[in-house]
Amino acid sequence: MLFHTRKWVKPEDLNPNNSLFGGRLLQWIDEEAVIYAIVQLETPRVVTKYISEINFISAPRIGDIVEIGIIATDFGASTLTVRCEVRNLMNHKPVLSIDRMVFASVNENGKPIRHGKTKVRVENEVREHYFVD
């Protein structure tokens, strides 16, 4: 699993218990996961369809840095399923895990469409496709 995104826990991210607000973390995860799905499916029209049980394992505190890891686990006709793990870079503790997040490729009317993808695109392929030297 690759951990691409790091977020610094700041005062505005805290809950009344002075730990990272779960809703903020879920916002960060959904954004990272949909970007991953957009790159994998090669389309900007991707929506979150399903998120399985969310397991909050530990609570980061102010000043901690969390890393978000995403990996594709299944390609459907119009969907991509991923697994997510979040870890605390400062103390190496796992923070959260989500076994299944499903994203759907949709047309301009929001209807599911076939994407034709069957395997994970590796980082080098993505860079060659989207970035020009």
N, C-alpha and C. Protein backbone atom coordinates (compact mmCIF):
# COMPACT_ATOMS: atom_id res chain seq x y z
N MET A 1 0.86 -1.19 0.00
CA MET A 1 0.00 0.00 0.00
C MET A 1 0.89 1.23 0.00
N LEU A 2 0.57 2.17 -0.88
CA LEU A 2 1.32 3.42 -0.94
C LEU A 2 0.62 4.48 -0.11
N PHE A 3 1.40 5.21 0.66
CA PHE A 3 0.89 6.31 1.46
C PHE A 3 1.33 7.61 0.79
N HIS A 4 0.39 8.24 0.07
CA HIS A 4 0.72 9.44 -0.70
C HIS A 4 0.47 10.72 0.06
N THR A 5 -0.61 10.77 0.80
CA THR A 5 -1.02 12.03 1.41
C THR A 5 -0.69 12.07 2.88
N ARG A 6 -0.15 13.19 3.30
CA ARG A 6 0.11 13.44 4.72
C ARG A 6 -0.65 14.69 5.13
N LYS A 7 -1.24 14.63 6.30
CA LYS A 7 -1.97 15.76 6.84
C LYS A 7 -1.47 16.05 8.25
N TRP A 8 -1.30 17.34 8.51
CA TRP A 8 -0.83 17.81 9.82
C TRP A 8 -2.06 18.15 10.64
N VAL A 9 -2.18 17.60 11.83
CA VAL A 9 -3.33 17.85 12.69
C VAL A 9 -3.15 19.21 13.37
N LYS A 10 -4.06 20.13 13.04
CA LYS A 10 -3.99 21.51 13.53
C LYS A 10 -5.17 21.78 14.48
N PRO A 11 -5.16 22.88 15.20
CA PRO A 11 -6.24 23.17 16.16
C PRO A 11 -7.64 23.12 15.56
N GLU A 12 -7.79 23.58 14.32
CA GLU A 12 -9.12 23.57 13.70
C GLU A 12 -9.61 22.17 13.33
N ASP A 13 -8.75 21.16 13.47
CA ASP A 13 -9.11 19.78 13.15
C ASP A 13 -9.53 18.97 14.37
N LEU A 14 -9.54 19.60 15.53
CA LEU A 14 -9.78 18.87 16.79
C LEU A 14 -11.24 18.82 17.18
N ASN A 15 -11.58 17.77 17.93
CA ASN A 15 -12.91 17.64 18.54
C ASN A 15 -12.83 18.13 19.99
N PRO A 16 -13.94 18.12 20.75
CA PRO A 16 -13.89 18.60 22.14
C PRO A 16 -12.96 17.80 23.05
N ASN A 17 -12.55 16.60 22.60
CA ASN A 17 -11.63 15.77 23.38
C ASN A 17 -10.16 16.11 23.05
N ASN A 18 -9.95 17.15 22.24
CA ASN A 18 -8.62 17.57 21.80
C ASN A 18 -7.87 16.50 21.02
N SER A 19 -8.62 15.69 20.30
CA SER A 19 -8.03 14.75 19.35
C SER A 19 -8.64 15.02 17.99
N LEU A 20 -8.09 14.38 16.96
CA LEU A 20 -8.54 14.62 15.60
C LEU A 20 -10.02 14.27 15.46
N PHE A 21 -10.81 15.20 14.96
CA PHE A 21 -12.25 14.99 14.71
C PHE A 21 -12.40 13.95 13.61
N GLY A 22 -13.17 12.90 13.89
CA GLY A 22 -13.35 11.81 12.93
C GLY A 22 -13.90 12.28 11.60
N GLY A 23 -14.81 13.25 11.61
CA GLY A 23 -15.37 13.77 10.37
C GLY A 23 -14.33 14.43 9.49
N ARG A 24 -13.37 15.10 10.10
CA ARG A 24 -12.29 15.73 9.33
C ARG A 24 -11.43 14.64 8.67
N LEU A 25 -11.11 13.60 9.43
CA LEU A 25 -10.32 12.52 8.88
C LEU A 25 -11.06 11.83 7.72
N LEU A 26 -12.36 11.62 7.88
CA LEU A 26 -13.14 11.00 6.80
C LEU A 26 -13.18 11.89 5.56
N GLN A 27 -13.22 13.20 5.76
CA GLN A 27 -13.17 14.13 4.63
C GLN A 27 -11.85 13.97 3.88
N TRP A 28 -10.74 13.91 4.62
CA TRP A 28 -9.43 13.75 4.00
C TRP A 28 -9.35 12.42 3.24
N ILE A 29 -9.88 11.36 3.85
CA ILE A 29 -9.84 10.03 3.23
C ILE A 29 -10.66 10.01 1.94
N ASP A 30 -11.88 10.54 1.99
CA ASP A 30 -12.74 10.52 0.80
C ASP A 30 -12.08 11.29 -0.34
N GLU A 31 -11.48 12.42 -0.04
CA GLU A 31 -10.81 13.20 -1.08
C GLU A 31 -9.62 12.42 -1.66
N GLU A 32 -8.80 11.83 -0.82
CA GLU A 32 -7.65 11.07 -1.29
C GLU A 32 -8.10 9.86 -2.11
N ALA A 33 -9.12 9.15 -1.63
CA ALA A 33 -9.58 7.94 -2.31
C ALA A 33 -10.22 8.26 -3.66
N VAL A 34 -10.98 9.34 -3.75
CA VAL A 34 -11.59 9.66 -5.05
C VAL A 34 -10.53 10.13 -6.04
N ILE A 35 -9.51 10.82 -5.59
CA ILE A 35 -8.40 11.19 -6.49
C ILE A 35 -7.71 9.92 -6.99
N TYR A 36 -7.49 8.98 -6.10
CA TYR A 36 -6.90 7.69 -6.49
C TYR A 36 -7.78 7.02 -7.55
N ALA A 37 -9.09 7.00 -7.33
CA ALA A 37 -10.02 6.37 -8.27
C ALA A 37 -10.02 7.10 -9.62
N ILE A 38 -9.98 8.41 -9.60
CA ILE A 38 -9.93 9.20 -10.84
C ILE A 38 -8.69 8.84 -11.66
N VAL A 39 -7.56 8.71 -11.00
CA VAL A 39 -6.31 8.35 -11.68
C VAL A 39 -6.40 6.92 -12.21
N GLN A 40 -6.89 6.00 -11.39
CA GLN A 40 -6.96 4.61 -11.82
C GLN A 40 -7.94 4.41 -12.98
N LEU A 41 -9.08 5.09 -12.91
CA LEU A 41 -10.12 4.90 -13.93
C LEU A 41 -9.98 5.86 -15.11
N GLU A 42 -9.05 6.81 -14.99
CA GLU A 42 -8.77 7.78 -16.06
C GLU A 42 -10.01 8.57 -16.48
N THR A 43 -10.77 9.01 -15.50
CA THR A 43 -11.93 9.86 -15.77
C THR A 43 -12.16 10.78 -14.57
N PRO A 44 -12.55 12.02 -14.81
CA PRO A 44 -12.84 12.92 -13.69
C PRO A 44 -14.22 12.69 -13.08
N ARG A 45 -15.04 11.89 -13.73
CA ARG A 45 -16.41 11.65 -13.24
C ARG A 45 -16.45 10.36 -12.43
N VAL A 46 -16.14 10.50 -11.16
CA VAL A 46 -16.13 9.37 -10.23
C VAL A 46 -16.87 9.81 -8.98
N VAL A 47 -17.74 8.95 -8.47
CA VAL A 47 -18.49 9.27 -7.25
C VAL A 47 -18.29 8.16 -6.22
N THR A 48 -18.38 8.55 -4.94
CA THR A 48 -18.33 7.58 -3.86
C THR A 48 -19.67 6.85 -3.81
N LYS A 49 -19.63 5.53 -3.89
CA LYS A 49 -20.85 4.72 -3.90
C LYS A 49 -21.09 4.04 -2.56
N TYR A 50 -20.02 3.58 -1.91
CA TYR A 50 -20.18 2.79 -0.70
C TYR A 50 -18.92 2.89 0.16
N ILE A 51 -19.11 2.97 1.47
CA ILE A 51 -18.01 2.88 2.42
C ILE A 51 -18.42 1.88 3.49
N SER A 52 -17.58 0.85 3.69
CA SER A 52 -17.88 -0.18 4.68
C SER A 52 -17.62 0.34 6.09
N GLU A 53 -17.65 -0.57 7.00
CA GLU A 53 -17.38 -0.25 8.41
C GLU A 53 -16.06 0.51 8.54
N ILE A 54 -16.08 1.53 9.35
CA ILE A 54 -14.90 2.36 9.60
C ILE A 54 -14.38 2.01 10.98
N ASN A 55 -13.14 1.59 11.06
CA ASN A 55 -12.56 1.18 12.34
C ASN A 55 -11.58 2.25 12.81
N PHE A 56 -12.01 3.06 13.79
CA PHE A 56 -11.13 4.05 14.41
C PHE A 56 -10.29 3.32 15.45
N ILE A 57 -8.98 3.31 15.28
CA ILE A 57 -8.08 2.53 16.13
C ILE A 57 -7.40 3.39 17.19
N SER A 58 -6.91 4.56 16.80
CA SER A 58 -6.28 5.47 17.76
C SER A 58 -6.56 6.91 17.35
N ALA A 59 -6.37 7.81 18.29
CA ALA A 59 -6.73 9.21 18.05
C ALA A 59 -5.49 10.10 17.99
N PRO A 60 -5.19 10.61 16.80
CA PRO A 60 -4.08 11.57 16.70
C PRO A 60 -4.37 12.85 17.46
N ARG A 61 -3.33 13.50 17.90
CA ARG A 61 -3.43 14.75 18.66
C ARG A 61 -2.83 15.90 17.86
N ILE A 62 -3.01 17.09 18.35
CA ILE A 62 -2.48 18.28 17.68
C ILE A 62 -0.97 18.12 17.46
N GLY A 63 -0.54 18.47 16.27
CA GLY A 63 0.87 18.38 15.90
C GLY A 63 1.26 17.06 15.26
N ASP A 64 0.42 16.04 15.41
CA ASP A 64 0.71 14.77 14.76
C ASP A 64 0.54 14.90 13.24
N ILE A 65 1.19 14.03 12.52
CA ILE A 65 1.05 13.96 11.08
C ILE A 65 0.50 12.59 10.76
N VAL A 66 -0.61 12.56 10.02
CA VAL A 66 -1.19 11.28 9.62
C VAL A 66 -0.95 11.06 8.14
N GLU A 67 -0.78 9.79 7.78
CA GLU A 67 -0.58 9.39 6.39
C GLU A 67 -1.76 8.54 5.96
N ILE A 68 -2.25 8.79 4.73
CA ILE A 68 -3.39 8.07 4.19
C ILE A 68 -2.91 7.15 3.08
N GLY A 69 -3.20 5.86 3.24
CA GLY A 69 -2.82 4.87 2.24
C GLY A 69 -4.05 4.27 1.58
N ILE A 70 -3.99 4.13 0.27
CA ILE A 70 -5.10 3.59 -0.52
C ILE A 70 -4.53 2.52 -1.46
N ILE A 71 -5.26 1.41 -1.62
CA ILE A 71 -4.87 0.39 -2.59
C ILE A 71 -6.13 -0.19 -3.23
N ALA A 72 -6.09 -0.38 -4.54
CA ALA A 72 -7.21 -0.99 -5.25
C ALA A 72 -7.27 -2.48 -4.91
N THR A 73 -8.48 -2.99 -4.71
CA THR A 73 -8.65 -4.41 -4.40
C THR A 73 -9.53 -5.12 -5.42
N ASP A 74 -10.35 -4.36 -6.18
CA ASP A 74 -11.23 -5.01 -7.15
C ASP A 74 -11.71 -3.99 -8.19
N PHE A 75 -11.80 -4.47 -9.43
CA PHE A 75 -12.38 -3.67 -10.51
C PHE A 75 -13.67 -4.32 -10.95
N GLY A 76 -14.79 -3.57 -10.89
CA GLY A 76 -16.06 -4.03 -11.43
C GLY A 76 -16.25 -3.39 -12.80
N ALA A 77 -17.39 -3.63 -13.42
CA ALA A 77 -17.65 -3.07 -14.74
C ALA A 77 -17.65 -1.54 -14.72
N SER A 78 -18.26 -0.96 -13.70
CA SER A 78 -18.30 0.51 -13.59
C SER A 78 -17.72 1.00 -12.27
N THR A 79 -17.17 0.08 -11.46
CA THR A 79 -16.71 0.45 -10.12
C THR A 79 -15.24 0.10 -9.90
N LEU A 80 -14.70 0.72 -8.86
CA LEU A 80 -13.37 0.41 -8.34
C LEU A 80 -13.51 0.31 -6.83
N THR A 81 -13.03 -0.79 -6.26
CA THR A 81 -13.06 -0.96 -4.81
C THR A 81 -11.64 -0.79 -4.29
N VAL A 82 -11.51 -0.04 -3.20
CA VAL A 82 -10.21 0.20 -2.59
C VAL A 82 -10.26 -0.11 -1.09
N ARG A 83 -9.08 -0.30 -0.52
CA ARG A 83 -8.91 -0.44 0.92
C ARG A 83 -8.11 0.77 1.38
N CYS A 84 -8.39 1.22 2.60
CA CYS A 84 -7.71 2.40 3.13
C CYS A 84 -7.15 2.12 4.52
N GLU A 85 -5.96 2.62 4.74
CA GLU A 85 -5.35 2.60 6.07
C GLU A 85 -4.79 3.98 6.34
N VAL A 86 -4.93 4.41 7.57
CA VAL A 86 -4.34 5.67 8.01
C VAL A 86 -3.43 5.35 9.18
N ARG A 87 -2.25 5.94 9.16
CA ARG A 87 -1.31 5.72 10.26
C ARG A 87 -0.74 7.05 10.73
N ASN A 88 -0.27 7.05 11.97
CA ASN A 88 0.32 8.24 12.56
C ASN A 88 1.82 8.20 12.27
N LEU A 89 2.29 9.15 11.50
CA LEU A 89 3.70 9.20 11.13
C LEU A 89 4.59 9.44 12.35
N MET A 90 4.07 10.14 13.36
CA MET A 90 4.87 10.53 14.51
C MET A 90 5.18 9.34 15.44
N ASN A 91 4.17 8.48 15.68
CA ASN A 91 4.39 7.37 16.63
C ASN A 91 4.17 6.00 15.99
N HIS A 92 3.91 5.97 14.69
CA HIS A 92 3.77 4.74 13.90
C HIS A 92 2.56 3.90 14.28
N LYS A 93 1.60 4.46 15.01
CA LYS A 93 0.40 3.73 15.38
C LYS A 93 -0.62 3.78 14.24
N PRO A 94 -1.34 2.65 14.04
CA PRO A 94 -2.45 2.71 13.10
C PRO A 94 -3.54 3.61 13.67
N VAL A 95 -4.18 4.39 12.81
CA VAL A 95 -5.21 5.34 13.22
C VAL A 95 -6.60 4.84 12.82
N LEU A 96 -6.71 4.32 11.61
CA LEU A 96 -8.02 3.96 11.07
C LEU A 96 -7.84 2.95 9.96
N SER A 97 -8.87 2.11 9.76
CA SER A 97 -8.89 1.23 8.59
C SER A 97 -10.31 1.16 8.04
N ILE A 98 -10.38 1.07 6.73
CA ILE A 98 -11.65 0.86 6.02
C ILE A 98 -11.38 -0.25 5.02
N ASP A 99 -12.11 -1.35 5.16
CA ASP A 99 -11.88 -2.50 4.28
C ASP A 99 -12.36 -2.27 2.85
N ARG A 100 -13.49 -1.55 2.68
CA ARG A 100 -14.03 -1.37 1.34
C ARG A 100 -14.59 0.03 1.14
N MET A 101 -14.09 0.68 0.12
CA MET A 101 -14.66 1.91 -0.39
C MET A 101 -14.88 1.67 -1.87
N VAL A 102 -16.11 1.89 -2.33
CA VAL A 102 -16.44 1.62 -3.73
C VAL A 102 -16.73 2.95 -4.43
N PHE A 103 -16.08 3.13 -5.57
CA PHE A 103 -16.26 4.32 -6.38
C PHE A 103 -16.81 3.91 -7.74
N ALA A 104 -17.74 4.69 -8.26
CA ALA A 104 -18.36 4.39 -9.55
C ALA A 104 -17.98 5.44 -10.58
N SER A 105 -17.68 4.97 -11.78
CA SER A 105 -17.45 5.84 -12.92
C SER A 105 -18.82 6.19 -13.49
N VAL A 106 -19.07 7.50 -13.67
CA VAL A 106 -20.40 7.93 -14.13
C VAL A 106 -20.30 8.85 -15.34
N ASN A 107 -21.41 8.96 -16.06
CA ASN A 107 -21.46 9.89 -17.19
C ASN A 107 -21.89 11.27 -16.70
N GLU A 108 -22.09 12.20 -17.65
CA GLU A 108 -22.44 13.58 -17.28
C GLU A 108 -23.80 13.69 -16.59
N ASN A 109 -24.62 12.63 -16.67
CA ASN A 109 -25.93 12.62 -16.00
C ASN A 109 -25.89 11.86 -14.67
N GLY A 110 -24.69 11.44 -14.27
CA GLY A 110 -24.55 10.74 -13.00
C GLY A 110 -24.91 9.26 -13.05
N LYS A 111 -25.07 8.71 -14.24
CA LYS A 111 -25.40 7.30 -14.41
C LYS A 111 -24.12 6.48 -14.56
N PRO A 112 -24.06 5.30 -13.93
CA PRO A 112 -22.86 4.46 -14.03
C PRO A 112 -22.53 4.10 -15.47
N ILE A 113 -21.24 4.12 -15.78
CA ILE A 113 -20.77 3.71 -17.11
C ILE A 113 -19.59 2.76 -16.95
N ARG A 114 -19.42 1.90 -17.92
CA ARG A 114 -18.29 0.96 -17.92
C ARG A 114 -16.98 1.73 -18.08
N HIS A 115 -15.97 1.32 -17.32
CA HIS A 115 -14.68 2.02 -17.43
C HIS A 115 -13.63 1.21 -18.18
N GLY A 116 -13.79 -0.09 -18.28
CA GLY A 116 -12.87 -0.92 -19.06
C GLY A 116 -11.53 -1.20 -18.40
N LYS A 117 -11.34 -0.83 -17.15
CA LYS A 117 -10.07 -1.05 -16.46
C LYS A 117 -10.11 -2.39 -15.72
N THR A 118 -8.95 -3.05 -15.65
CA THR A 118 -8.88 -4.35 -14.99
C THR A 118 -7.70 -4.48 -14.04
N LYS A 119 -6.78 -3.53 -14.07
CA LYS A 119 -5.60 -3.64 -13.20
C LYS A 119 -5.16 -2.27 -12.71
N VAL A 120 -4.42 -2.29 -11.63
CA VAL A 120 -3.92 -1.07 -11.02
C VAL A 120 -2.86 -0.44 -11.90
N ARG A 121 -2.98 0.87 -12.09
CA ARG A 121 -1.94 1.62 -12.78
C ARG A 121 -0.90 2.01 -11.75
N VAL A 122 0.35 1.71 -12.03
CA VAL A 122 1.41 2.05 -11.08
C VAL A 122 1.80 3.51 -11.24
N GLU A 123 2.47 4.01 -10.24
CA GLU A 123 2.78 5.44 -10.20
C GLU A 123 3.54 5.92 -11.44
N ASN A 124 4.49 5.14 -11.94
CA ASN A 124 5.26 5.57 -13.12
C ASN A 124 4.36 5.72 -14.34
N GLU A 125 3.38 4.83 -14.51
CA GLU A 125 2.46 4.94 -15.63
C GLU A 125 1.62 6.20 -15.52
N VAL A 126 1.21 6.53 -14.31
CA VAL A 126 0.39 7.73 -14.08
C VAL A 126 1.21 8.97 -14.41
N ARG A 127 2.44 9.03 -13.94
CA ARG A 127 3.28 10.20 -14.21
C ARG A 127 3.51 10.39 -15.70
N GLU A 128 3.78 9.29 -16.41
CA GLU A 128 4.02 9.38 -17.85
C GLU A 128 2.78 9.86 -18.59
N HIS A 129 1.60 9.48 -18.11
CA HIS A 129 0.36 9.85 -18.77
C HIS A 129 -0.04 11.30 -18.51
N TYR A 130 0.14 11.76 -17.27
CA TYR A 130 -0.37 13.08 -16.88
C TYR A 130 0.66 14.20 -16.85
N PHE A 131 1.93 13.83 -16.74
CA PHE A 131 2.95 14.87 -16.59
C PHE A 131 3.95 14.82 -17.74
N VAL A 132 4.26 15.97 -18.27
CA VAL A 132 5.22 16.07 -19.36
C VAL A 132 6.45 16.81 -18.83
N ASP A 133 7.63 16.28 -19.13
CA ASP A 133 8.87 16.93 -18.67
C ASP A 133 9.20 18.13 -19.51
